[in-house]
Amino acid sequence: MTVTIYHNPRCSKSRRTLALLEERGTAPTVVEYLKTPPSKDELKAILKKLGLKPQDIVRKCEACYKDIGLKVGTASDDELVTLMAENPILIERPIVVAGDKAAIGRPPESVLAIL
């Protein structure tokens, strides 16, 4: 099974999640999503695997979120996916995808359930 982590090396939770995967013998494909953002279609596929809506994975504490003027519930799902694709800093991290399942590594141990 292929395992992919959407990773931000500056984030402690992301680093801990990657280390946890490696400690468990998993060698994930690492996507530094700030350098290589997922497309809108990739984000939609990830959301489906997570079983979440776009608003559930938007980082509302980011300056970019405030600068754009977003408020919870004011943007449609498509608008949020577009904004996250254009501003990947808005995507919650880390996200681990394993086959047809995905999990957010907050806490890092939560990704173990999909392996």
Protein backbone atom coordinates (compact mmCIF):
# COMPACT_ATOMS: atom_id res chain seq x y z
CA MET A 1 0.00 0.00 0.00
CA THR A 2 1.29 3.44 -0.93
CA VAL A 3 1.40 5.95 1.91
CA THR A 4 1.73 9.67 1.25
CA ILE A 5 2.22 12.43 3.79
CA TYR A 6 1.38 16.02 2.93
CA HIS A 7 4.13 17.51 5.01
CA ASN A 8 5.40 20.86 6.22
CA PRO A 9 8.90 20.37 7.66
CA ARG A 10 8.54 23.54 9.74
CA CYS A 11 5.55 22.08 11.63
CA SER A 12 6.32 20.04 14.74
CA LYS A 13 3.18 17.88 14.37
CA SER A 14 4.10 17.13 10.78
CA ARG A 15 7.67 16.20 11.74
CA ARG A 16 6.39 13.98 14.57
CA THR A 17 3.89 12.27 12.28
CA LEU A 18 6.58 11.57 9.67
CA ALA A 19 8.90 10.20 12.37
CA LEU A 20 6.11 8.00 13.73
CA LEU A 21 5.45 6.53 10.27
CA GLU A 22 9.13 5.84 9.77
CA GLU A 23 9.46 4.28 13.26
CA ARG A 24 6.63 1.91 12.28
CA GLY A 25 8.53 0.82 9.18
CA THR A 26 6.54 2.88 6.70
CA ALA A 27 8.49 4.81 4.08
CA PRO A 28 5.91 7.32 2.91
CA THR A 29 6.06 9.47 -0.17
CA VAL A 30 6.67 12.94 1.24
CA VAL A 31 4.91 15.82 -0.47
CA GLU A 32 5.99 19.21 0.81
CA TYR A 33 2.63 20.70 -0.02
CA LEU A 34 3.77 24.32 0.32
CA LYS A 35 6.26 23.71 -2.51
CA THR A 36 4.06 21.31 -4.48
CA PRO A 37 0.43 22.11 -3.62
CA PRO A 38 -2.27 19.58 -4.37
CA SER A 39 -4.60 20.50 -7.23
CA LYS A 40 -8.28 21.14 -6.67
CA ASP A 41 -9.04 17.60 -7.85
CA GLU A 42 -6.40 16.14 -5.52
CA LEU A 43 -7.83 18.13 -2.61
CA LYS A 44 -11.33 16.86 -3.38
CA ALA A 45 -10.02 13.27 -3.45
CA ILE A 46 -8.21 13.78 -0.14
CA LEU A 47 -11.33 15.27 1.44
CA LYS A 48 -13.38 12.28 0.28
CA LYS A 49 -10.85 9.89 1.85
CA LEU A 50 -10.88 11.95 5.05
CA GLY A 51 -14.68 12.00 5.08
CA LEU A 52 -14.52 15.75 5.78
CA LYS A 53 -15.71 18.99 4.24
CA PRO A 54 -13.29 21.71 3.09
CA GLN A 55 -14.13 23.90 6.09
CA ASP A 56 -12.93 21.07 8.36
CA ILE A 57 -9.35 21.28 7.05
CA VAL A 58 -8.95 25.04 6.63
CA ARG A 59 -6.40 26.56 9.01
CA LYS A 60 -8.39 29.50 10.30
CA CYS A 61 -5.52 30.88 12.40
CA GLU A 62 -3.34 31.64 9.36
CA ALA A 63 -2.83 35.29 8.45
CA CYS A 64 -3.76 34.40 4.87
CA TYR A 65 -7.22 33.29 6.05
CA LYS A 66 -7.77 36.64 7.73
CA ASP A 67 -6.26 38.61 4.83
CA ILE A 68 -8.67 36.98 2.37
CA GLY A 69 -11.52 37.91 4.70
CA LEU A 70 -12.92 34.42 5.08
CA LYS A 71 -15.42 33.62 7.77
CA VAL A 72 -16.67 30.19 8.70
CA GLY A 73 -19.73 29.32 6.65
CA THR A 74 -19.43 32.19 4.15
CA ALA A 75 -17.57 30.38 1.36
CA SER A 76 -18.89 27.42 -0.62
CA ASP A 77 -17.04 24.10 -0.66
CA ASP A 78 -15.76 24.83 -4.19
CA GLU A 79 -14.55 28.28 -3.17
CA LEU A 80 -12.69 26.83 -0.19
CA VAL A 81 -11.05 24.10 -2.29
CA THR A 82 -9.95 26.74 -4.82
CA LEU A 83 -8.57 28.95 -2.05
CA MET A 84 -6.66 26.06 -0.48
CA ALA A 85 -5.21 25.06 -3.87
CA GLU A 86 -4.10 28.65 -4.44
CA ASN A 87 -2.97 29.19 -0.83
CA PRO A 88 -1.74 25.81 0.46
CA ILE A 89 -0.77 27.34 3.82
CA LEU A 90 -4.52 27.16 4.54
CA ILE A 91 -4.51 23.33 4.44
CA GLU A 92 -4.41 21.58 7.83
CA ARG A 93 -1.30 19.53 8.31
CA PRO A 94 -0.12 16.89 8.17
CA ILE A 95 -2.44 14.74 6.11
CA VAL A 96 -1.53 11.10 5.57
CA VAL A 97 -3.15 9.13 2.74
CA ALA A 98 -2.97 5.34 2.70
CA GLY A 99 -4.89 3.64 -0.09
CA ASP A 100 -8.50 4.79 0.06
CA LYS A 101 -8.20 6.24 3.57
CA ALA A 102 -6.71 9.41 4.98
CA ALA A 103 -6.15 10.99 8.39
CA ILE A 104 -4.94 14.26 9.81
CA GLY A 105 -1.94 13.83 12.10
CA ARG A 106 -3.34 15.82 15.00
CA PRO A 107 -2.34 14.12 17.19
CA PRO A 108 0.29 12.22 15.17
CA GLU A 109 -0.93 8.85 16.48
CA SER A 110 -4.30 9.34 14.75
CA VAL A 111 -2.73 8.27 11.44
CA LEU A 112 -2.00 4.80 12.75
CA ALA A 113 -5.67 3.84 12.37
CA ILE A 114 -5.43 4.00 8.56
CA LEU A 115 -2.27 1.91 8.17
